[in-house]
């Protein structure tokens, strides 16, 4: 998976931050949906790699609970956690026990979504 993520990083459009991110979301039937961060001069219009991959999967008919794991790589030398907007979107569609794999060129960390987001805002709060 790491080699795929490294190759995918080249598709990132990180003109403003120079912080490239790639993501591969894997479904329970082993389909892979790729995403990269796509920045914009209007920073609020930027989309993160995680949401890009998830929106692609949803657009292709996958639903909440259909996801097995998510792999995220960034171009930094430090492991970077998903932003809080992405965490909220992941909470909406992924099970709490979904594995979240985080990579750099030489590091790897694995968490569950619940470990990444211990105090979730979800449908139970409404």
N, C-alpha and C. Protein backbone atom coordinates (compact mmCIF):
# COMPACT_ATOMS: atom_id res chain seq x y z
N UNK A 1 0.83 -1.20 0.00
CA UNK A 1 0.00 0.00 0.00
C UNK A 1 0.87 1.26 0.00
N UNK A 2 1.98 1.18 0.72
CA UNK A 2 2.85 2.35 0.83
C UNK A 2 3.37 2.82 -0.53
N UNK A 3 3.74 1.89 -1.39
CA UNK A 3 4.23 2.25 -2.73
C UNK A 3 3.14 2.94 -3.55
N UNK A 4 1.92 2.46 -3.44
CA UNK A 4 0.80 3.09 -4.14
C UNK A 4 0.60 4.53 -3.64
N UNK A 5 0.68 4.70 -2.32
CA UNK A 5 0.51 6.04 -1.74
C UNK A 5 1.62 6.98 -2.18
N UNK A 6 2.85 6.47 -2.23
CA UNK A 6 3.98 7.30 -2.67
C UNK A 6 3.77 7.78 -4.10
N UNK A 7 3.34 6.87 -4.96
CA UNK A 7 3.08 7.23 -6.36
C UNK A 7 1.93 8.24 -6.47
N UNK A 8 0.91 8.02 -5.68
CA UNK A 8 -0.27 8.89 -5.69
C UNK A 8 0.05 10.31 -5.22
N UNK A 9 1.03 10.46 -4.34
CA UNK A 9 1.42 11.79 -3.85
C UNK A 9 1.72 12.76 -4.99
N UNK A 10 2.25 12.24 -6.08
CA UNK A 10 2.59 13.09 -7.22
C UNK A 10 1.37 13.77 -7.83
N UNK A 11 0.18 13.23 -7.58
CA UNK A 11 -1.06 13.83 -8.11
C UNK A 11 -1.60 14.95 -7.24
N UNK A 12 -1.06 15.11 -6.06
CA UNK A 12 -1.51 16.15 -5.14
C UNK A 12 -1.28 17.53 -5.76
N UNK A 13 -2.22 18.44 -5.52
CA UNK A 13 -2.07 19.83 -5.95
C UNK A 13 -1.92 20.66 -4.68
N UNK A 14 -0.67 20.84 -4.27
CA UNK A 14 -0.36 21.54 -3.01
C UNK A 14 0.47 22.78 -3.28
N UNK A 15 0.00 23.58 -4.20
CA UNK A 15 0.71 24.78 -4.67
C UNK A 15 0.99 25.78 -3.55
N UNK A 16 0.14 25.85 -2.55
CA UNK A 16 0.26 26.88 -1.53
C UNK A 16 0.99 26.40 -0.27
N UNK A 17 0.72 25.19 0.15
CA UNK A 17 1.34 24.69 1.38
C UNK A 17 2.57 23.82 1.12
N UNK A 18 2.67 23.29 -0.09
CA UNK A 18 3.71 22.30 -0.40
C UNK A 18 3.65 21.09 0.52
N UNK A 19 2.49 20.81 1.05
CA UNK A 19 2.25 19.66 1.94
C UNK A 19 1.34 18.70 1.21
N UNK A 20 1.94 17.71 0.57
CA UNK A 20 1.18 16.76 -0.23
C UNK A 20 0.63 15.63 0.65
N UNK A 21 -0.60 15.23 0.33
CA UNK A 21 -1.24 14.13 1.05
C UNK A 21 -1.91 13.22 0.03
N UNK A 22 -1.76 11.92 0.25
CA UNK A 22 -2.46 10.93 -0.57
C UNK A 22 -3.21 9.99 0.36
N UNK A 23 -4.26 9.38 -0.17
CA UNK A 23 -5.11 8.52 0.65
C UNK A 23 -5.68 7.41 -0.20
N UNK A 24 -5.74 6.22 0.39
CA UNK A 24 -6.44 5.11 -0.25
C UNK A 24 -7.42 4.54 0.78
N UNK A 25 -8.69 4.57 0.44
CA UNK A 25 -9.76 4.03 1.27
C UNK A 25 -10.11 2.66 0.72
N UNK A 26 -10.08 1.65 1.58
CA UNK A 26 -10.34 0.27 1.15
C UNK A 26 -11.70 -0.17 1.69
N UNK A 27 -12.53 -0.70 0.80
CA UNK A 27 -13.85 -1.17 1.19
C UNK A 27 -13.76 -2.61 1.69
N UNK A 28 -14.83 -3.07 2.30
CA UNK A 28 -14.86 -4.45 2.81
C UNK A 28 -14.82 -5.48 1.69
N UNK A 29 -15.16 -5.07 0.45
CA UNK A 29 -15.03 -5.99 -0.68
C UNK A 29 -13.73 -5.73 -1.46
N UNK A 30 -12.79 -5.05 -0.79
CA UNK A 30 -11.42 -4.82 -1.28
C UNK A 30 -11.30 -3.91 -2.49
N UNK A 31 -12.28 -3.05 -2.70
CA UNK A 31 -12.13 -2.01 -3.72
C UNK A 31 -11.33 -0.87 -3.09
N UNK A 32 -10.54 -0.20 -3.90
CA UNK A 32 -9.71 0.91 -3.41
C UNK A 32 -10.14 2.21 -4.07
N UNK A 33 -10.30 3.24 -3.26
CA UNK A 33 -10.64 4.57 -3.76
C UNK A 33 -9.53 5.52 -3.33
N UNK A 34 -8.98 6.21 -4.32
CA UNK A 34 -7.83 7.08 -4.09
C UNK A 34 -8.27 8.53 -3.97
N UNK A 35 -7.46 9.28 -3.23
CA UNK A 35 -7.69 10.71 -3.10
C UNK A 35 -6.37 11.42 -2.82
N UNK A 36 -6.32 12.67 -3.21
CA UNK A 36 -5.18 13.54 -2.90
C UNK A 36 -5.73 14.89 -2.45
N UNK A 37 -4.90 15.66 -1.77
CA UNK A 37 -5.34 17.00 -1.42
C UNK A 37 -5.25 17.90 -2.66
N UNK A 38 -6.26 18.75 -2.81
CA UNK A 38 -6.33 19.68 -3.93
C UNK A 38 -6.58 21.06 -3.33
N UNK A 39 -5.53 21.87 -3.33
CA UNK A 39 -5.62 23.20 -2.72
C UNK A 39 -6.22 24.21 -3.68
N UNK A 40 -6.55 25.37 -3.13
CA UNK A 40 -7.17 26.44 -3.88
C UNK A 40 -6.70 27.77 -3.29
N UNK A 41 -6.62 28.80 -4.11
CA UNK A 41 -6.24 30.12 -3.61
C UNK A 41 -7.21 30.59 -2.53
N UNK A 42 -8.45 30.19 -2.63
CA UNK A 42 -9.43 30.41 -1.57
C UNK A 42 -9.34 29.18 -0.66
N UNK A 43 -8.54 29.28 0.39
CA UNK A 43 -8.17 28.11 1.19
C UNK A 43 -9.36 27.26 1.64
N UNK A 44 -10.48 27.87 1.91
CA UNK A 44 -11.66 27.12 2.32
C UNK A 44 -12.19 26.18 1.25
N UNK A 45 -11.79 26.41 0.00
CA UNK A 45 -12.23 25.56 -1.11
C UNK A 45 -11.32 24.34 -1.29
N UNK A 46 -10.28 24.26 -0.49
CA UNK A 46 -9.36 23.13 -0.56
C UNK A 46 -10.08 21.86 -0.09
N UNK A 47 -9.76 20.73 -0.73
CA UNK A 47 -10.29 19.45 -0.27
C UNK A 47 -9.12 18.56 0.13
N UNK A 48 -9.28 17.89 1.22
CA UNK A 48 -8.25 16.99 1.73
C UNK A 48 -8.32 15.64 1.03
N UNK A 49 -7.22 14.92 1.08
CA UNK A 49 -7.14 13.61 0.42
C UNK A 49 -8.16 12.63 0.99
N UNK A 50 -8.35 12.65 2.31
CA UNK A 50 -9.26 11.71 2.95
C UNK A 50 -10.69 11.91 2.45
N UNK A 51 -11.13 13.15 2.40
CA UNK A 51 -12.49 13.41 1.92
C UNK A 51 -12.62 13.16 0.43
N UNK A 52 -11.56 13.42 -0.31
CA UNK A 52 -11.57 13.14 -1.74
C UNK A 52 -11.81 11.65 -2.01
N UNK A 53 -11.09 10.80 -1.28
CA UNK A 53 -11.25 9.35 -1.45
C UNK A 53 -12.65 8.89 -1.00
N UNK A 54 -13.10 9.41 0.12
CA UNK A 54 -14.40 9.00 0.65
C UNK A 54 -15.54 9.44 -0.25
N UNK A 55 -15.49 10.64 -0.75
CA UNK A 55 -16.54 11.13 -1.64
C UNK A 55 -16.58 10.30 -2.93
N UNK A 56 -15.42 9.90 -3.41
CA UNK A 56 -15.37 9.04 -4.59
C UNK A 56 -16.06 7.70 -4.32
N UNK A 57 -15.78 7.12 -3.16
CA UNK A 57 -16.41 5.84 -2.81
C UNK A 57 -17.92 5.97 -2.70
N UNK A 58 -18.38 7.01 -2.04
CA UNK A 58 -19.82 7.25 -1.88
C UNK A 58 -20.45 7.48 -3.26
N UNK A 59 -19.76 8.22 -4.11
CA UNK A 59 -20.26 8.48 -5.47
C UNK A 59 -20.38 7.21 -6.29
N UNK A 60 -19.61 6.21 -5.92
CA UNK A 60 -19.64 4.92 -6.62
C UNK A 60 -20.55 3.90 -5.93
N UNK A 61 -21.39 4.37 -5.01
CA UNK A 61 -22.43 3.52 -4.45
C UNK A 61 -22.13 2.89 -3.10
N UNK A 62 -20.97 3.14 -2.53
CA UNK A 62 -20.67 2.59 -1.21
C UNK A 62 -21.37 3.40 -0.14
N UNK A 63 -21.67 2.75 0.96
CA UNK A 63 -22.46 3.34 2.04
C UNK A 63 -21.72 3.26 3.37
N UNK A 64 -22.28 3.92 4.35
CA UNK A 64 -21.76 3.87 5.71
C UNK A 64 -21.60 2.40 6.12
N UNK A 65 -20.46 2.08 6.70
CA UNK A 65 -20.21 0.71 7.15
C UNK A 65 -19.58 -0.19 6.11
N UNK A 66 -19.39 0.29 4.87
CA UNK A 66 -18.81 -0.52 3.81
C UNK A 66 -17.28 -0.49 3.79
N UNK A 67 -16.66 0.19 4.74
CA UNK A 67 -15.23 0.46 4.65
C UNK A 67 -14.42 -0.34 5.66
N UNK A 68 -13.29 -0.88 5.19
CA UNK A 68 -12.44 -1.74 6.00
C UNK A 68 -11.29 -0.99 6.63
N UNK A 69 -10.63 -0.11 5.87
CA UNK A 69 -9.45 0.60 6.37
C UNK A 69 -9.16 1.80 5.49
N UNK A 70 -8.36 2.70 6.05
CA UNK A 70 -7.96 3.88 5.31
C UNK A 70 -6.46 4.08 5.52
N UNK A 71 -5.76 4.42 4.42
CA UNK A 71 -4.31 4.61 4.42
C UNK A 71 -4.03 6.05 3.99
N UNK A 72 -3.21 6.75 4.77
CA UNK A 72 -2.95 8.17 4.52
C UNK A 72 -1.44 8.42 4.58
N UNK A 73 -0.91 9.09 3.58
CA UNK A 73 0.51 9.42 3.55
C UNK A 73 0.67 10.91 3.30
N UNK A 74 1.68 11.49 3.92
CA UNK A 74 1.99 12.88 3.64
C UNK A 74 3.46 13.02 3.25
N UNK A 75 3.81 14.16 2.68
CA UNK A 75 5.14 14.40 2.15
C UNK A 75 6.12 14.90 3.20
N UNK A 76 5.69 15.04 4.42
CA UNK A 76 6.54 15.52 5.51
C UNK A 76 7.34 14.36 6.09
N UNK A 77 8.29 14.68 6.92
CA UNK A 77 9.05 13.64 7.62
C UNK A 77 8.35 13.23 8.92
N UNK A 78 7.27 13.91 9.26
CA UNK A 78 6.52 13.62 10.48
C UNK A 78 5.16 13.02 10.14
N UNK A 79 4.71 12.08 10.96
CA UNK A 79 3.35 11.56 10.82
C UNK A 79 2.39 12.73 11.06
N UNK A 80 1.41 12.87 10.18
CA UNK A 80 0.40 13.92 10.32
C UNK A 80 -0.97 13.27 10.48
N UNK A 81 -1.72 13.74 11.43
CA UNK A 81 -3.07 13.25 11.67
C UNK A 81 -4.05 13.96 10.73
N UNK A 82 -5.15 13.31 10.40
CA UNK A 82 -6.17 13.98 9.59
C UNK A 82 -6.69 15.24 10.30
N UNK A 83 -7.05 16.24 9.52
CA UNK A 83 -7.62 17.45 10.10
C UNK A 83 -8.96 17.11 10.75
N UNK A 84 -9.49 18.04 11.53
CA UNK A 84 -10.72 17.75 12.25
C UNK A 84 -11.95 17.70 11.34
N UNK A 85 -11.92 18.40 10.23
CA UNK A 85 -13.04 18.27 9.28
C UNK A 85 -13.05 16.85 8.72
N UNK A 86 -11.89 16.35 8.34
CA UNK A 86 -11.81 14.97 7.83
C UNK A 86 -12.20 13.97 8.90
N UNK A 87 -11.75 14.18 10.12
CA UNK A 87 -12.12 13.26 11.20
C UNK A 87 -13.64 13.19 11.35
N UNK A 88 -14.29 14.35 11.27
CA UNK A 88 -15.75 14.36 11.40
C UNK A 88 -16.41 13.60 10.26
N UNK A 89 -15.92 13.77 9.05
CA UNK A 89 -16.49 13.06 7.90
C UNK A 89 -16.23 11.56 8.03
N UNK A 90 -15.06 11.18 8.49
CA UNK A 90 -14.76 9.75 8.68
C UNK A 90 -15.69 9.15 9.73
N UNK A 91 -15.97 9.90 10.79
CA UNK A 91 -16.90 9.43 11.84
C UNK A 91 -18.26 9.10 11.23
N UNK A 92 -18.69 9.89 10.26
CA UNK A 92 -20.00 9.71 9.64
C UNK A 92 -20.11 8.38 8.88
N UNK A 93 -19.01 7.93 8.27
CA UNK A 93 -19.09 6.79 7.35
C UNK A 93 -18.32 5.54 7.77
N UNK A 94 -17.34 5.66 8.65
CA UNK A 94 -16.52 4.52 9.03
C UNK A 94 -16.88 4.03 10.42
N UNK A 95 -16.78 2.74 10.62
CA UNK A 95 -17.01 2.16 11.94
C UNK A 95 -15.90 2.59 12.90
N UNK A 96 -16.19 2.69 14.19
CA UNK A 96 -15.16 3.12 15.16
C UNK A 96 -13.92 2.23 15.18
N UNK A 97 -14.06 0.95 14.83
CA UNK A 97 -12.92 0.04 14.86
C UNK A 97 -12.15 0.00 13.54
N UNK A 98 -12.50 0.85 12.58
CA UNK A 98 -11.79 0.92 11.30
C UNK A 98 -10.34 1.31 11.54
N UNK A 99 -9.42 0.59 10.90
CA UNK A 99 -7.99 0.89 11.03
C UNK A 99 -7.64 2.11 10.18
N UNK A 100 -6.87 3.01 10.80
CA UNK A 100 -6.37 4.21 10.13
C UNK A 100 -4.85 4.08 10.10
N UNK A 101 -4.29 3.89 8.91
CA UNK A 101 -2.85 3.73 8.72
C UNK A 101 -2.28 5.09 8.30
N UNK A 102 -1.29 5.55 9.01
CA UNK A 102 -0.67 6.85 8.74
C UNK A 102 0.80 6.61 8.37
N UNK A 103 1.26 7.23 7.28
CA UNK A 103 2.60 6.98 6.77
C UNK A 103 3.35 8.27 6.46
N UNK A 104 4.66 8.18 6.55
CA UNK A 104 5.61 9.07 5.88
C UNK A 104 6.50 8.13 5.08
N UNK A 105 7.55 8.67 4.47
CA UNK A 105 8.45 7.80 3.72
C UNK A 105 9.08 6.72 4.58
N UNK A 106 9.32 7.01 5.86
CA UNK A 106 10.03 6.04 6.69
C UNK A 106 9.35 5.71 8.02
N UNK A 107 8.11 6.15 8.19
CA UNK A 107 7.38 5.88 9.44
C UNK A 107 5.98 5.36 9.13
N UNK A 108 5.45 4.63 10.10
CA UNK A 108 4.08 4.14 9.99
C UNK A 108 3.47 4.08 11.38
N UNK A 109 2.22 4.48 11.47
CA UNK A 109 1.46 4.40 12.72
C UNK A 109 0.07 3.88 12.39
N UNK A 110 -0.48 3.06 13.26
CA UNK A 110 -1.81 2.51 13.03
C UNK A 110 -2.66 2.80 14.26
N UNK A 111 -3.82 3.37 14.01
CA UNK A 111 -4.81 3.66 15.05
C UNK A 111 -6.16 3.14 14.57
N UNK A 112 -7.08 3.00 15.49
CA UNK A 112 -8.47 2.81 15.08
C UNK A 112 -9.09 4.20 14.98
N UNK A 113 -10.20 4.30 14.28
CA UNK A 113 -10.89 5.59 14.20
C UNK A 113 -11.29 6.05 15.59
N UNK A 114 -11.69 5.13 16.45
CA UNK A 114 -12.07 5.50 17.82
C UNK A 114 -10.89 6.07 18.59
N UNK A 115 -9.70 5.52 18.39
CA UNK A 115 -8.51 6.08 19.05
C UNK A 115 -8.19 7.47 18.51
N UNK A 116 -8.41 7.66 17.23
CA UNK A 116 -8.15 8.95 16.59
C UNK A 116 -9.18 10.00 17.01
N UNK A 117 -10.40 9.55 17.30
CA UNK A 117 -11.50 10.46 17.62
C UNK A 117 -12.23 9.97 18.88
N UNK A 118 -11.61 10.09 20.05
CA UNK A 118 -12.20 9.48 21.25
C UNK A 118 -13.53 10.11 21.70
N UNK A 119 -13.76 11.34 21.39
CA UNK A 119 -14.99 12.02 21.81
C UNK A 119 -15.74 12.47 20.55
N UNK A 120 -16.49 11.55 20.00
CA UNK A 120 -17.12 11.76 18.71
C UNK A 120 -18.42 12.55 18.82
N UNK A 121 -18.63 13.39 17.81
CA UNK A 121 -19.92 14.01 17.59
C UNK A 121 -20.54 13.23 16.45
N UNK A 122 -21.62 12.53 16.73
CA UNK A 122 -22.25 11.70 15.70
C UNK A 122 -23.77 11.74 15.88
N UNK A 123 -24.45 10.86 15.16
CA UNK A 123 -25.92 10.85 15.18
C UNK A 123 -26.49 10.60 16.57
N UNK A 124 -25.72 9.97 17.43
CA UNK A 124 -26.18 9.75 18.81
C UNK A 124 -26.30 11.05 19.61
N UNK A 125 -25.61 12.09 19.15
CA UNK A 125 -25.66 13.39 19.83
C UNK A 125 -26.84 14.25 19.41
N UNK A 126 -27.53 13.84 18.38
CA UNK A 126 -28.63 14.66 17.85
C UNK A 126 -29.97 14.24 18.43
